[in-house]
N, C-alpha and C. Protein backbone atom coordinates (compact mmCIF):
# COMPACT_ATOMS: atom_id res chain seq x y z
N PHE A 1 -34.58 -9.74 20.82
CA PHE A 1 -33.17 -10.02 20.96
C PHE A 1 -32.32 -8.83 20.52
N LEU A 2 -32.72 -8.15 19.42
CA LEU A 2 -31.95 -7.00 18.92
C LEU A 2 -31.87 -5.87 19.94
N PRO A 3 -32.99 -5.51 20.61
CA PRO A 3 -32.87 -4.44 21.62
C PRO A 3 -31.90 -4.81 22.75
N VAL A 4 -31.87 -6.07 23.14
CA VAL A 4 -30.95 -6.49 24.20
C VAL A 4 -29.50 -6.31 23.73
N LEU A 5 -29.21 -6.76 22.49
CA LEU A 5 -27.87 -6.58 21.93
C LEU A 5 -27.50 -5.10 21.82
N ALA A 6 -28.44 -4.30 21.37
CA ALA A 6 -28.19 -2.87 21.22
C ALA A 6 -27.86 -2.24 22.57
N ARG A 7 -28.62 -2.60 23.60
CA ARG A 7 -28.33 -2.08 24.94
C ARG A 7 -26.96 -2.55 25.42
N TYR A 8 -26.65 -3.80 25.19
CA TYR A 8 -25.37 -4.36 25.62
C TYR A 8 -24.20 -3.59 25.00
N PHE A 9 -24.29 -3.32 23.68
CA PHE A 9 -23.21 -2.62 22.97
C PHE A 9 -23.36 -1.10 23.02
N ASP A 10 -24.43 -0.63 23.65
CA ASP A 10 -24.70 0.80 23.79
C ASP A 10 -24.78 1.49 22.42
N VAL A 11 -25.53 0.87 21.50
CA VAL A 11 -25.79 1.43 20.18
C VAL A 11 -27.27 1.26 19.88
N SER A 12 -27.72 1.88 18.82
CA SER A 12 -29.12 1.73 18.42
C SER A 12 -29.31 0.43 17.63
N VAL A 13 -30.54 -0.02 17.54
CA VAL A 13 -30.86 -1.18 16.72
C VAL A 13 -30.53 -0.88 15.26
N ASP A 14 -30.77 0.37 14.83
CA ASP A 14 -30.44 0.77 13.46
C ASP A 14 -28.94 0.59 13.18
N THR A 15 -28.11 0.93 14.15
CA THR A 15 -26.67 0.75 13.99
C THR A 15 -26.32 -0.72 13.85
N LEU A 16 -26.94 -1.56 14.68
CA LEU A 16 -26.70 -3.01 14.58
C LEU A 16 -27.06 -3.55 13.20
N LEU A 17 -28.13 -3.04 12.63
CA LEU A 17 -28.61 -3.52 11.33
C LEU A 17 -27.94 -2.82 10.15
N GLY A 18 -27.08 -1.85 10.42
CA GLY A 18 -26.41 -1.14 9.34
C GLY A 18 -27.23 -0.03 8.73
N MET A 19 -28.33 0.33 9.36
CA MET A 19 -29.21 1.36 8.80
C MET A 19 -28.55 2.74 8.85
N ASP A 20 -27.74 3.01 9.86
CA ASP A 20 -27.06 4.30 9.97
C ASP A 20 -26.13 4.50 8.77
N GLU A 21 -25.43 3.45 8.39
CA GLU A 21 -24.51 3.53 7.25
C GLU A 21 -25.28 3.79 5.95
N ILE A 22 -26.40 3.13 5.79
CA ILE A 22 -27.23 3.34 4.59
C ILE A 22 -27.75 4.77 4.56
N ALA A 23 -28.22 5.26 5.71
CA ALA A 23 -28.72 6.63 5.79
C ALA A 23 -27.60 7.62 5.48
N ALA A 24 -26.39 7.36 5.96
CA ALA A 24 -25.26 8.25 5.69
C ALA A 24 -24.95 8.28 4.19
N LYS A 25 -24.94 7.13 3.53
CA LYS A 25 -24.69 7.09 2.09
C LYS A 25 -25.77 7.87 1.33
N ASP A 26 -27.02 7.73 1.77
CA ASP A 26 -28.11 8.47 1.14
C ASP A 26 -27.92 9.98 1.31
N ARG A 27 -27.50 10.41 2.51
CA ARG A 27 -27.28 11.84 2.77
C ARG A 27 -26.13 12.35 1.90
N LEU A 28 -25.06 11.59 1.80
CA LEU A 28 -23.94 12.01 0.95
C LEU A 28 -24.37 12.11 -0.51
N ALA A 29 -25.19 11.18 -0.97
CA ALA A 29 -25.70 11.22 -2.34
C ALA A 29 -26.56 12.46 -2.55
N GLU A 30 -27.36 12.84 -1.55
CA GLU A 30 -28.17 14.06 -1.64
C GLU A 30 -27.28 15.29 -1.77
N TYR A 31 -26.26 15.38 -0.92
CA TYR A 31 -25.35 16.52 -1.01
C TYR A 31 -24.71 16.59 -2.39
N ASN A 32 -24.25 15.46 -2.90
CA ASN A 32 -23.60 15.41 -4.20
C ASN A 32 -24.55 15.83 -5.32
N CYS A 33 -25.77 15.35 -5.27
CA CYS A 33 -26.77 15.69 -6.29
C CYS A 33 -27.07 17.19 -6.27
N LEU A 34 -27.29 17.74 -5.08
CA LEU A 34 -27.56 19.18 -4.96
C LEU A 34 -26.36 20.00 -5.44
N TRP A 35 -25.16 19.55 -5.10
CA TRP A 35 -23.96 20.26 -5.53
C TRP A 35 -23.88 20.31 -7.06
N LYS A 36 -24.15 19.18 -7.70
CA LYS A 36 -24.11 19.14 -9.17
C LYS A 36 -25.15 20.06 -9.79
N GLN A 37 -26.37 20.07 -9.23
CA GLN A 37 -27.41 20.97 -9.73
C GLN A 37 -26.99 22.43 -9.58
N ASN A 38 -26.51 22.78 -8.39
CA ASN A 38 -26.08 24.16 -8.16
C ASN A 38 -24.93 24.54 -9.07
N ARG A 39 -24.00 23.63 -9.28
CA ARG A 39 -22.85 23.93 -10.14
C ARG A 39 -23.31 24.19 -11.57
N ALA A 40 -24.22 23.38 -12.06
CA ALA A 40 -24.73 23.55 -13.41
C ALA A 40 -25.42 24.91 -13.57
N GLU A 41 -26.01 25.40 -12.49
CA GLU A 41 -26.71 26.69 -12.51
C GLU A 41 -25.83 27.83 -11.99
N ARG A 42 -24.53 27.54 -11.82
CA ARG A 42 -23.55 28.53 -11.38
C ARG A 42 -23.90 29.17 -10.03
N ARG A 43 -24.47 28.37 -9.15
CA ARG A 43 -24.80 28.85 -7.80
C ARG A 43 -23.70 28.40 -6.85
N HIS A 44 -22.53 28.99 -7.01
CA HIS A 44 -21.35 28.56 -6.28
C HIS A 44 -21.40 28.95 -4.80
N ALA A 45 -21.96 30.11 -4.50
CA ALA A 45 -22.07 30.52 -3.09
C ALA A 45 -22.97 29.55 -2.33
N GLU A 46 -24.05 29.11 -2.98
CA GLU A 46 -24.93 28.12 -2.35
C GLU A 46 -24.19 26.81 -2.13
N ASN A 47 -23.33 26.46 -3.08
CA ASN A 47 -22.55 25.22 -2.93
C ASN A 47 -21.55 25.31 -1.79
N VAL A 48 -20.96 26.48 -1.59
CA VAL A 48 -20.03 26.63 -0.47
C VAL A 48 -20.78 26.37 0.83
N GLU A 49 -21.95 26.96 0.99
CA GLU A 49 -22.74 26.75 2.21
C GLU A 49 -23.22 25.31 2.32
N LEU A 50 -23.62 24.71 1.21
CA LEU A 50 -24.05 23.31 1.20
C LEU A 50 -22.93 22.39 1.66
N MET A 51 -21.72 22.61 1.14
CA MET A 51 -20.60 21.76 1.51
C MET A 51 -20.18 21.99 2.96
N ARG A 52 -20.30 23.22 3.44
CA ARG A 52 -19.99 23.48 4.84
C ARG A 52 -20.97 22.72 5.75
N ARG A 53 -22.25 22.71 5.37
CA ARG A 53 -23.24 21.93 6.13
C ARG A 53 -22.90 20.44 6.08
N GLY A 54 -22.58 19.97 4.89
CA GLY A 54 -22.23 18.57 4.72
C GLY A 54 -21.02 18.18 5.55
N LEU A 55 -20.03 19.05 5.61
CA LEU A 55 -18.83 18.76 6.39
C LEU A 55 -19.11 18.83 7.89
N GLY A 56 -20.14 19.58 8.27
CA GLY A 56 -20.56 19.56 9.67
C GLY A 56 -21.10 18.19 10.05
N GLU A 57 -21.73 17.55 9.08
CA GLU A 57 -22.30 16.21 9.29
C GLU A 57 -21.27 15.10 9.06
N PHE A 58 -20.39 15.32 8.07
CA PHE A 58 -19.37 14.32 7.69
C PHE A 58 -18.00 14.99 7.64
N PRO A 59 -17.40 15.28 8.81
CA PRO A 59 -16.11 15.99 8.83
C PRO A 59 -15.03 15.24 8.05
N ASN A 60 -14.27 16.00 7.29
CA ASN A 60 -13.13 15.47 6.52
C ASN A 60 -13.51 14.47 5.44
N HIS A 61 -14.76 14.49 4.98
CA HIS A 61 -15.15 13.59 3.88
C HIS A 61 -14.50 14.12 2.59
N PRO A 62 -13.69 13.30 1.92
CA PRO A 62 -12.92 13.78 0.77
C PRO A 62 -13.77 14.40 -0.34
N LEU A 63 -14.88 13.78 -0.72
CA LEU A 63 -15.69 14.33 -1.81
C LEU A 63 -16.25 15.69 -1.42
N LEU A 64 -16.74 15.83 -0.21
CA LEU A 64 -17.29 17.12 0.22
C LEU A 64 -16.20 18.18 0.27
N LEU A 65 -15.01 17.80 0.72
CA LEU A 65 -13.90 18.75 0.75
C LEU A 65 -13.50 19.17 -0.67
N VAL A 66 -13.43 18.23 -1.59
CA VAL A 66 -13.09 18.55 -2.99
C VAL A 66 -14.15 19.48 -3.56
N GLN A 67 -15.41 19.19 -3.30
CA GLN A 67 -16.48 20.03 -3.82
C GLN A 67 -16.47 21.42 -3.19
N LEU A 68 -16.13 21.52 -1.90
CA LEU A 68 -16.00 22.83 -1.26
C LEU A 68 -14.87 23.61 -1.91
N SER A 69 -13.73 22.97 -2.10
CA SER A 69 -12.59 23.63 -2.72
C SER A 69 -12.94 24.15 -4.12
N ALA A 70 -13.57 23.31 -4.92
CA ALA A 70 -13.95 23.72 -6.28
C ALA A 70 -14.94 24.87 -6.25
N SER A 71 -15.88 24.84 -5.32
CA SER A 71 -16.89 25.90 -5.22
C SER A 71 -16.26 27.22 -4.79
N LEU A 72 -15.33 27.16 -3.84
CA LEU A 72 -14.65 28.38 -3.38
C LEU A 72 -13.93 29.07 -4.54
N GLU A 73 -13.30 28.29 -5.39
CA GLU A 73 -12.53 28.87 -6.50
C GLU A 73 -13.42 29.45 -7.59
N ARG A 74 -14.69 29.16 -7.55
CA ARG A 74 -15.61 29.69 -8.57
C ARG A 74 -16.42 30.89 -8.07
N LEU A 75 -16.19 31.29 -6.83
CA LEU A 75 -16.94 32.42 -6.28
C LEU A 75 -16.52 33.73 -6.96
N ASP A 76 -17.49 34.61 -7.15
CA ASP A 76 -17.22 35.93 -7.69
C ASP A 76 -16.79 36.86 -6.56
N GLY A 77 -16.42 38.06 -6.92
CA GLY A 77 -16.05 39.07 -5.93
C GLY A 77 -14.94 39.94 -6.44
N THR A 78 -14.48 40.81 -5.58
CA THR A 78 -13.34 41.66 -5.92
C THR A 78 -12.10 40.80 -6.05
N SER A 79 -11.02 41.38 -6.54
CA SER A 79 -9.80 40.58 -6.68
C SER A 79 -9.31 40.13 -5.31
N GLU A 80 -9.48 40.97 -4.29
CA GLU A 80 -9.08 40.57 -2.93
C GLU A 80 -9.95 39.43 -2.42
N GLU A 81 -11.25 39.49 -2.68
CA GLU A 81 -12.15 38.41 -2.25
C GLU A 81 -11.83 37.11 -2.98
N ARG A 82 -11.60 37.20 -4.28
CA ARG A 82 -11.26 35.99 -5.04
C ARG A 82 -9.94 35.39 -4.55
N ARG A 83 -8.98 36.25 -4.20
CA ARG A 83 -7.70 35.76 -3.67
C ARG A 83 -7.93 35.07 -2.32
N ALA A 84 -8.80 35.63 -1.48
CA ALA A 84 -9.11 35.00 -0.18
C ALA A 84 -9.80 33.67 -0.39
N HIS A 85 -10.70 33.59 -1.39
CA HIS A 85 -11.38 32.32 -1.68
C HIS A 85 -10.38 31.28 -2.18
N LEU A 86 -9.44 31.73 -3.03
CA LEU A 86 -8.41 30.82 -3.53
C LEU A 86 -7.56 30.30 -2.37
N TYR A 87 -7.19 31.18 -1.45
CA TYR A 87 -6.40 30.76 -0.30
C TYR A 87 -7.17 29.75 0.55
N GLU A 88 -8.47 30.02 0.78
CA GLU A 88 -9.27 29.07 1.55
C GLU A 88 -9.36 27.73 0.83
N SER A 89 -9.48 27.77 -0.49
CA SER A 89 -9.52 26.54 -1.28
C SER A 89 -8.21 25.76 -1.09
N ILE A 90 -7.09 26.47 -1.09
CA ILE A 90 -5.79 25.82 -0.88
C ILE A 90 -5.76 25.16 0.49
N MET A 91 -6.27 25.84 1.51
CA MET A 91 -6.28 25.28 2.86
C MET A 91 -7.18 24.03 2.92
N VAL A 92 -8.28 24.04 2.18
CA VAL A 92 -9.15 22.86 2.12
C VAL A 92 -8.40 21.71 1.45
N GLN A 93 -7.67 22.02 0.38
CA GLN A 93 -6.90 20.98 -0.31
C GLN A 93 -5.80 20.43 0.59
N GLU A 94 -5.17 21.29 1.37
CA GLU A 94 -4.16 20.82 2.34
C GLU A 94 -4.83 19.86 3.34
N ARG A 95 -6.05 20.19 3.74
CA ARG A 95 -6.80 19.35 4.68
C ARG A 95 -7.09 17.98 4.06
N ILE A 96 -7.45 17.96 2.79
CA ILE A 96 -7.70 16.69 2.10
C ILE A 96 -6.44 15.82 2.15
N LEU A 97 -5.32 16.43 1.84
CA LEU A 97 -4.07 15.67 1.82
C LEU A 97 -3.69 15.17 3.21
N ALA A 98 -4.10 15.91 4.25
CA ALA A 98 -3.78 15.49 5.62
C ALA A 98 -4.63 14.30 6.07
N TYR A 99 -5.86 14.19 5.56
CA TYR A 99 -6.78 13.18 6.08
C TYR A 99 -7.15 12.06 5.11
N CYS A 100 -6.91 12.26 3.84
CA CYS A 100 -7.37 11.28 2.84
C CYS A 100 -6.23 10.34 2.46
N ASP A 101 -6.53 9.03 2.44
CA ASP A 101 -5.50 8.08 2.04
C ASP A 101 -5.80 7.43 0.68
N ASP A 102 -6.85 7.87 0.00
CA ASP A 102 -7.18 7.35 -1.32
C ASP A 102 -6.18 7.94 -2.33
N SER A 103 -5.39 7.07 -2.95
CA SER A 103 -4.31 7.55 -3.82
C SER A 103 -4.83 8.33 -5.03
N GLU A 104 -5.97 7.95 -5.57
CA GLU A 104 -6.50 8.67 -6.73
C GLU A 104 -6.94 10.07 -6.34
N VAL A 105 -7.63 10.19 -5.21
CA VAL A 105 -8.05 11.50 -4.72
C VAL A 105 -6.82 12.35 -4.42
N ARG A 106 -5.86 11.76 -3.74
CA ARG A 106 -4.65 12.50 -3.38
C ARG A 106 -3.91 12.99 -4.63
N GLY A 107 -3.81 12.14 -5.65
CA GLY A 107 -3.14 12.54 -6.89
C GLY A 107 -3.84 13.71 -7.56
N ALA A 108 -5.16 13.64 -7.65
CA ALA A 108 -5.93 14.73 -8.26
C ALA A 108 -5.77 16.01 -7.45
N VAL A 109 -5.82 15.88 -6.13
CA VAL A 109 -5.70 17.06 -5.27
C VAL A 109 -4.29 17.65 -5.37
N MET A 110 -3.27 16.80 -5.47
CA MET A 110 -1.92 17.34 -5.61
C MET A 110 -1.76 18.13 -6.91
N TRP A 111 -2.38 17.65 -7.99
CA TRP A 111 -2.34 18.40 -9.24
C TRP A 111 -3.08 19.73 -9.05
N ASN A 112 -4.28 19.66 -8.45
CA ASN A 112 -5.07 20.88 -8.25
C ASN A 112 -4.37 21.88 -7.34
N ILE A 113 -3.76 21.39 -6.27
CA ILE A 113 -3.13 22.31 -5.32
C ILE A 113 -1.89 22.95 -5.95
N ALA A 114 -1.17 22.22 -6.81
CA ALA A 114 -0.05 22.83 -7.52
C ALA A 114 -0.55 23.97 -8.39
N ASP A 115 -1.65 23.73 -9.09
CA ASP A 115 -2.25 24.77 -9.93
C ASP A 115 -2.75 25.95 -9.08
N SER A 116 -3.39 25.64 -7.95
CA SER A 116 -3.91 26.70 -7.09
C SER A 116 -2.79 27.55 -6.50
N TYR A 117 -1.74 26.90 -6.01
CA TYR A 117 -0.61 27.66 -5.47
C TYR A 117 0.03 28.53 -6.56
N ASP A 118 0.09 28.01 -7.78
CA ASP A 118 0.64 28.80 -8.89
C ASP A 118 -0.21 30.05 -9.12
N ARG A 119 -1.52 29.88 -9.18
CA ARG A 119 -2.41 31.02 -9.38
C ARG A 119 -2.37 31.98 -8.19
N TYR A 120 -2.07 31.46 -7.00
CA TYR A 120 -1.96 32.29 -5.80
C TYR A 120 -0.64 33.06 -5.79
N GLY A 121 0.31 32.63 -6.62
CA GLY A 121 1.59 33.32 -6.70
C GLY A 121 2.70 32.66 -5.90
N ASP A 122 2.45 31.47 -5.37
CA ASP A 122 3.47 30.76 -4.60
C ASP A 122 4.04 29.64 -5.47
N ARG A 123 4.94 30.02 -6.38
CA ARG A 123 5.52 29.08 -7.33
C ARG A 123 6.32 27.98 -6.63
N GLU A 124 6.95 28.31 -5.52
CA GLU A 124 7.76 27.32 -4.81
C GLU A 124 6.89 26.17 -4.31
N ARG A 125 5.78 26.49 -3.66
CA ARG A 125 4.89 25.41 -3.20
C ARG A 125 4.23 24.70 -4.37
N ALA A 126 3.88 25.45 -5.41
CA ALA A 126 3.29 24.83 -6.60
C ALA A 126 4.24 23.77 -7.15
N ARG A 127 5.49 24.13 -7.26
CA ARG A 127 6.49 23.19 -7.79
C ARG A 127 6.69 22.00 -6.85
N MET A 128 6.66 22.26 -5.53
CA MET A 128 6.84 21.18 -4.56
C MET A 128 5.75 20.11 -4.75
N TYR A 129 4.50 20.54 -4.93
CA TYR A 129 3.43 19.57 -5.14
C TYR A 129 3.52 18.92 -6.52
N ALA A 130 3.88 19.69 -7.52
CA ALA A 130 4.00 19.14 -8.87
C ALA A 130 5.05 18.03 -8.90
N GLU A 131 6.14 18.21 -8.16
CA GLU A 131 7.20 17.21 -8.14
C GLU A 131 6.80 15.93 -7.41
N LYS A 132 5.74 15.98 -6.62
CA LYS A 132 5.26 14.79 -5.92
C LYS A 132 4.34 13.93 -6.80
N LEU A 133 3.92 14.48 -7.92
CA LEU A 133 3.03 13.74 -8.82
C LEU A 133 3.80 12.64 -9.55
N PRO A 134 3.11 11.56 -9.94
CA PRO A 134 3.80 10.49 -10.68
C PRO A 134 4.23 10.98 -12.06
N ASN A 135 5.27 10.36 -12.61
CA ASN A 135 5.70 10.73 -13.95
C ASN A 135 4.82 10.04 -14.99
N LEU A 136 5.00 10.40 -16.23
CA LEU A 136 4.18 9.82 -17.31
C LEU A 136 4.45 8.34 -17.51
N TYR A 137 5.65 7.92 -17.24
CA TYR A 137 6.05 6.55 -17.53
C TYR A 137 5.43 5.54 -16.55
N LYS A 138 5.50 5.80 -15.27
CA LYS A 138 5.02 4.85 -14.27
C LYS A 138 3.64 5.28 -13.79
N THR A 139 2.65 4.98 -14.60
CA THR A 139 1.27 5.38 -14.30
C THR A 139 0.40 4.15 -14.10
N ARG A 140 -0.78 4.39 -13.61
CA ARG A 140 -1.78 3.32 -13.45
C ARG A 140 -2.03 2.65 -14.80
N GLU A 141 -2.21 3.47 -15.83
CA GLU A 141 -2.53 2.92 -17.15
C GLU A 141 -1.43 2.00 -17.68
N SER A 142 -0.17 2.43 -17.55
CA SER A 142 0.90 1.59 -18.09
C SER A 142 1.05 0.29 -17.28
N ALA A 143 0.81 0.36 -15.98
CA ALA A 143 0.89 -0.86 -15.16
C ALA A 143 -0.26 -1.80 -15.48
N LEU A 144 -1.47 -1.27 -15.61
CA LEU A 144 -2.63 -2.14 -15.87
C LEU A 144 -2.53 -2.82 -17.23
N ILE A 145 -2.07 -2.09 -18.25
CA ILE A 145 -1.93 -2.70 -19.57
C ILE A 145 -0.91 -3.83 -19.51
N ARG A 146 0.17 -3.61 -18.79
CA ARG A 146 1.20 -4.64 -18.65
C ARG A 146 0.69 -5.86 -17.89
N LEU A 147 -0.19 -5.65 -16.92
CA LEU A 147 -0.67 -6.74 -16.08
C LEU A 147 -1.92 -7.45 -16.60
N THR A 148 -2.59 -6.85 -17.57
CA THR A 148 -3.84 -7.42 -18.07
C THR A 148 -3.58 -8.46 -19.14
N GLU A 149 -4.23 -9.60 -18.99
CA GLU A 149 -4.06 -10.67 -19.97
C GLU A 149 -5.20 -10.71 -20.98
N ASP A 150 -6.38 -10.24 -20.60
CA ASP A 150 -7.53 -10.24 -21.48
C ASP A 150 -7.34 -9.18 -22.58
N GLU A 151 -7.35 -9.63 -23.85
CA GLU A 151 -7.07 -8.74 -24.98
C GLU A 151 -8.11 -7.64 -25.13
N GLU A 152 -9.37 -7.96 -24.89
CA GLU A 152 -10.42 -6.94 -25.01
C GLU A 152 -10.25 -5.86 -23.95
N GLU A 153 -9.94 -6.27 -22.74
CA GLU A 153 -9.71 -5.30 -21.66
C GLU A 153 -8.46 -4.46 -21.96
N LYS A 154 -7.44 -5.10 -22.54
CA LYS A 154 -6.23 -4.38 -22.90
C LYS A 154 -6.53 -3.29 -23.93
N ARG A 155 -7.36 -3.61 -24.93
CA ARG A 155 -7.72 -2.62 -25.94
C ARG A 155 -8.49 -1.46 -25.31
N TRP A 156 -9.41 -1.78 -24.38
CA TRP A 156 -10.18 -0.74 -23.71
C TRP A 156 -9.25 0.16 -22.89
N LEU A 157 -8.32 -0.46 -22.14
CA LEU A 157 -7.37 0.32 -21.34
C LEU A 157 -6.49 1.19 -22.23
N ALA A 158 -6.06 0.64 -23.36
CA ALA A 158 -5.22 1.40 -24.28
C ALA A 158 -5.98 2.59 -24.86
N ALA A 159 -7.25 2.38 -25.20
CA ALA A 159 -8.05 3.48 -25.73
C ALA A 159 -8.23 4.59 -24.69
N GLU A 160 -8.49 4.20 -23.45
CA GLU A 160 -8.62 5.18 -22.36
C GLU A 160 -7.30 5.93 -22.17
N ALA A 161 -6.19 5.21 -22.19
CA ALA A 161 -4.89 5.84 -22.00
C ALA A 161 -4.57 6.79 -23.16
N MET A 162 -4.90 6.39 -24.37
CA MET A 162 -4.64 7.23 -25.54
C MET A 162 -5.45 8.52 -25.48
N GLU A 163 -6.67 8.45 -24.97
CA GLU A 163 -7.50 9.65 -24.83
C GLU A 163 -6.83 10.64 -23.87
N ARG A 164 -6.30 10.13 -22.78
CA ARG A 164 -5.60 10.99 -21.82
C ARG A 164 -4.29 11.51 -22.42
N MET A 165 -3.61 10.67 -23.18
CA MET A 165 -2.36 11.10 -23.80
C MET A 165 -2.61 12.17 -24.86
N GLN A 166 -3.74 12.10 -25.54
CA GLN A 166 -4.08 13.12 -26.53
C GLN A 166 -4.14 14.49 -25.85
N TYR A 167 -4.77 14.52 -24.67
CA TYR A 167 -4.83 15.78 -23.92
C TYR A 167 -3.42 16.24 -23.55
N LEU A 168 -2.60 15.31 -23.05
CA LEU A 168 -1.24 15.68 -22.65
C LEU A 168 -0.44 16.20 -23.84
N LEU A 169 -0.57 15.55 -24.98
CA LEU A 169 0.15 16.02 -26.18
C LEU A 169 -0.30 17.42 -26.57
N SER A 170 -1.58 17.71 -26.38
CA SER A 170 -2.07 19.06 -26.71
C SER A 170 -1.44 20.11 -25.80
N GLN A 171 -0.96 19.69 -24.62
CA GLN A 171 -0.27 20.59 -23.71
C GLN A 171 1.23 20.68 -24.02
N PHE A 172 1.83 19.55 -24.42
CA PHE A 172 3.28 19.49 -24.60
C PHE A 172 3.75 19.99 -25.96
N LEU A 173 3.05 19.64 -27.03
CA LEU A 173 3.53 19.99 -28.37
C LEU A 173 3.66 21.50 -28.58
N PRO A 174 2.73 22.31 -28.15
CA PRO A 174 2.92 23.76 -28.33
C PRO A 174 4.16 24.29 -27.59
N CYS A 175 4.52 23.65 -26.48
CA CYS A 175 5.73 24.06 -25.75
C CYS A 175 6.98 23.78 -26.58
N LEU A 176 6.95 22.69 -27.34
CA LEU A 176 8.11 22.32 -28.15
C LEU A 176 8.15 23.01 -29.50
N TYR A 177 6.97 23.18 -30.12
CA TYR A 177 6.93 23.65 -31.50
C TYR A 177 6.15 24.95 -31.68
N GLY A 178 5.65 25.53 -30.61
CA GLY A 178 4.91 26.79 -30.72
C GLY A 178 3.65 26.62 -31.54
N ASP A 179 3.37 27.56 -32.38
CA ASP A 179 2.14 27.56 -33.18
C ASP A 179 2.14 26.51 -34.28
N GLN A 180 3.28 25.90 -34.57
CA GLN A 180 3.37 24.90 -35.62
C GLN A 180 2.72 23.58 -35.23
N ALA A 181 2.50 23.36 -33.93
CA ALA A 181 1.97 22.08 -33.45
C ALA A 181 0.53 21.89 -33.82
């Protein structure tokens, strides 16, 4: 019966059974695992090629694009080569923003692209992306704490938020108080 259905819909039996989707998830997990190994061993050029292969198989996949962007920015070379890699990383980040609708990925990429444009010397674009980021007040953490009724979950959310706020304070206090902070 399955072969008849597959012929009718002009797909493989594996597609009908969801095997193609499972195989795709396995392939993505392989790419991710190899990327992490290469990154730990500072093999960034290999990661650039790995992500390019992965994107040939999974065009516009957000994780692969993020990993390609990160790998490009870690490549060695002359100052001109590093600047070209940074520019390519920016173009990859622009591509992520064009195709990805995951708000968490988009938020992280907007922060990264603001930083990348700043390092590239384009302060105007850096500022444009920075201004698109959410403010400190209306964040996921503040909304979830307000909406959560379970006290244990609230404590966990508060602890997570405080850890992030500790990092933010380490960035803000020196701006206000200099070395006294």
